[in-house]
Amino acid sequence: MILVIGARSSGKRAYVEALGYGPETIADGVLDDRPVLYNLQDITMADPEGAPALLESLKDKEVVVCDEVGSGVIPLEKARRLGREATGRLCCQLAREATQVVRLVAGIPTVIKG
């Protein structure tokens, strides 16, 4: 599995498409049988307590794409703070399991693992 992380609008989707994945193979914010999951943070923010249970399903994906949510101003709303924490913890676990981790900044990919 390849984990692709980066800020919102940093070129993550274009990077995944350059790897050869078309729009029909990319699930946007839903966990289904398509090989690419895009916007993992949307799933974890909706149910922070359920985030740890996603790990096994995500390990079977070819590519998982997630926004970096741990930077910037800490939200006042408890639910958003819990969602950010759950997303970060899940991404740490995914990074350990991934064969490759790529971080995008301004559309430039940097391989940080693999």
Protein backbone atom coordinates (compact mmCIF):
# COMPACT_ATOMS: atom_id res chain seq x y z
CA MET A 1 0.00 0.00 0.00
CA ILE A 2 1.14 3.52 -0.80
CA LEU A 3 0.20 6.28 1.66
CA VAL A 4 0.00 9.74 0.09
CA ILE A 5 -0.23 12.71 2.45
CA GLY A 6 -0.13 16.45 2.07
CA ALA A 7 -2.05 19.65 2.64
CA ARG A 8 -5.41 20.21 0.98
CA SER A 9 -4.98 21.08 -2.71
CA SER A 10 -1.30 20.06 -2.72
CA GLY A 11 -1.60 17.86 -5.81
CA LYS A 12 -2.34 14.51 -4.17
CA ARG A 13 -5.09 13.52 -6.61
CA ALA A 14 -3.00 14.47 -9.66
CA TYR A 15 -0.13 12.42 -8.24
CA VAL A 16 -2.33 9.36 -7.81
CA GLU A 17 -3.71 9.76 -11.33
CA ALA A 18 -0.12 10.01 -12.63
CA LEU A 19 0.48 6.60 -11.03
CA GLY A 20 -2.11 5.24 -13.47
CA TYR A 21 -5.31 5.33 -11.42
CA GLY A 22 -8.32 6.78 -13.22
CA PRO A 23 -11.33 8.49 -11.63
CA GLU A 24 -13.31 5.25 -11.70
CA THR A 25 -10.73 3.57 -9.42
CA ILE A 26 -10.71 6.33 -6.78
CA ALA A 27 -13.23 6.24 -3.92
CA ASP A 28 -13.69 9.75 -2.54
CA GLY A 29 -14.33 9.61 1.20
CA VAL A 30 -16.01 6.20 1.16
CA LEU A 31 -14.60 2.79 1.95
CA ASP A 32 -15.55 0.40 -0.84
CA ASP A 33 -13.85 -2.13 -3.13
CA ARG A 34 -12.01 0.40 -5.34
CA PRO A 35 -8.21 0.21 -5.04
CA VAL A 36 -7.69 3.87 -4.06
CA LEU A 37 -9.19 5.66 -1.07
CA TYR A 38 -9.07 9.45 -1.36
CA ASN A 39 -9.89 11.81 1.54
CA LEU A 40 -9.38 9.38 4.41
CA GLN A 41 -9.69 12.33 6.80
CA ASP A 42 -13.37 12.70 5.87
CA ILE A 43 -14.09 9.19 7.16
CA THR A 44 -12.12 9.58 10.38
CA MET A 45 -13.51 13.04 11.13
CA ALA A 46 -17.06 11.67 10.82
CA ASP A 47 -16.37 8.86 13.33
CA PRO A 48 -13.14 9.37 15.32
CA GLU A 49 -13.88 6.46 17.65
CA GLY A 50 -14.23 4.07 14.71
CA ALA A 51 -10.93 5.09 13.10
CA PRO A 52 -8.78 2.30 14.62
CA ALA A 53 -11.11 -0.33 13.15
CA LEU A 54 -10.35 0.96 9.63
CA LEU A 55 -6.72 -0.16 9.70
CA GLU A 56 -7.25 -3.73 8.47
CA SER A 57 -9.45 -2.63 5.56
CA LEU A 58 -7.03 0.12 4.57
CA LYS A 59 -4.05 -2.23 4.45
CA ASP A 60 -5.74 -3.99 1.50
CA LYS A 61 -5.92 -0.77 -0.54
CA GLU A 62 -3.32 -0.05 -3.21
CA VAL A 63 -3.24 3.68 -2.37
CA VAL A 64 -4.60 5.67 0.59
CA VAL A 65 -4.68 9.47 0.34
CA CYS A 66 -5.12 11.74 3.35
CA ASP A 67 -4.90 15.45 4.05
CA GLU A 68 -2.44 16.47 6.74
CA VAL A 69 -4.73 17.69 9.49
CA GLY A 70 -2.36 18.14 12.42
CA SER A 71 -0.90 21.52 11.52
CA GLY A 72 -2.24 24.97 12.09
CA VAL A 73 -4.60 26.32 14.68
CA ILE A 74 -6.09 23.76 17.06
CA PRO A 75 -9.89 23.79 16.68
CA LEU A 76 -12.05 24.87 19.60
CA GLU A 77 -14.66 22.18 18.90
CA LYS A 78 -13.90 18.96 20.75
CA ALA A 79 -15.24 16.80 17.90
CA ARG A 80 -12.81 18.36 15.40
CA ARG A 81 -9.88 17.92 17.82
CA LEU A 82 -10.77 14.26 18.31
CA GLY A 83 -11.10 13.82 14.54
CA ARG A 84 -7.68 15.33 13.93
CA GLU A 85 -6.12 13.11 16.58
CA ALA A 86 -7.80 9.98 15.21
CA THR A 87 -6.66 10.83 11.69
CA GLY A 88 -3.08 11.41 12.81
CA ARG A 89 -2.91 8.19 14.81
CA LEU A 90 -4.37 6.16 11.94
CA CYS A 91 -1.91 7.71 9.48
CA CYS A 92 0.98 6.77 11.79
CA GLN A 93 -0.21 3.16 11.78
CA LEU A 94 -0.69 3.22 8.00
CA ALA A 95 2.80 4.65 7.50
CA ARG A 96 4.27 1.73 9.45
CA GLU A 97 2.37 -0.76 7.26
CA ALA A 98 2.88 1.04 3.93
CA THR A 99 5.51 -0.01 1.42
CA GLN A 100 5.86 3.63 0.43
CA VAL A 101 4.87 6.98 1.98
CA VAL A 102 4.81 10.07 -0.23
CA ARG A 103 4.30 13.63 1.01
CA LEU A 104 3.26 16.30 -1.47
CA VAL A 105 4.04 19.99 -1.08
CA ALA A 106 3.02 22.36 -3.87
CA GLY A 107 2.60 19.42 -6.22
CA ILE A 108 6.13 18.13 -5.59
CA PRO A 109 6.24 14.57 -4.25
CA THR A 110 8.82 13.61 -1.65
CA VAL A 111 9.19 9.93 -0.84
CA ILE A 112 9.63 9.70 2.93
CA LYS A 113 9.51 5.90 3.07
CA GLY A 114 10.28 3.22 0.51
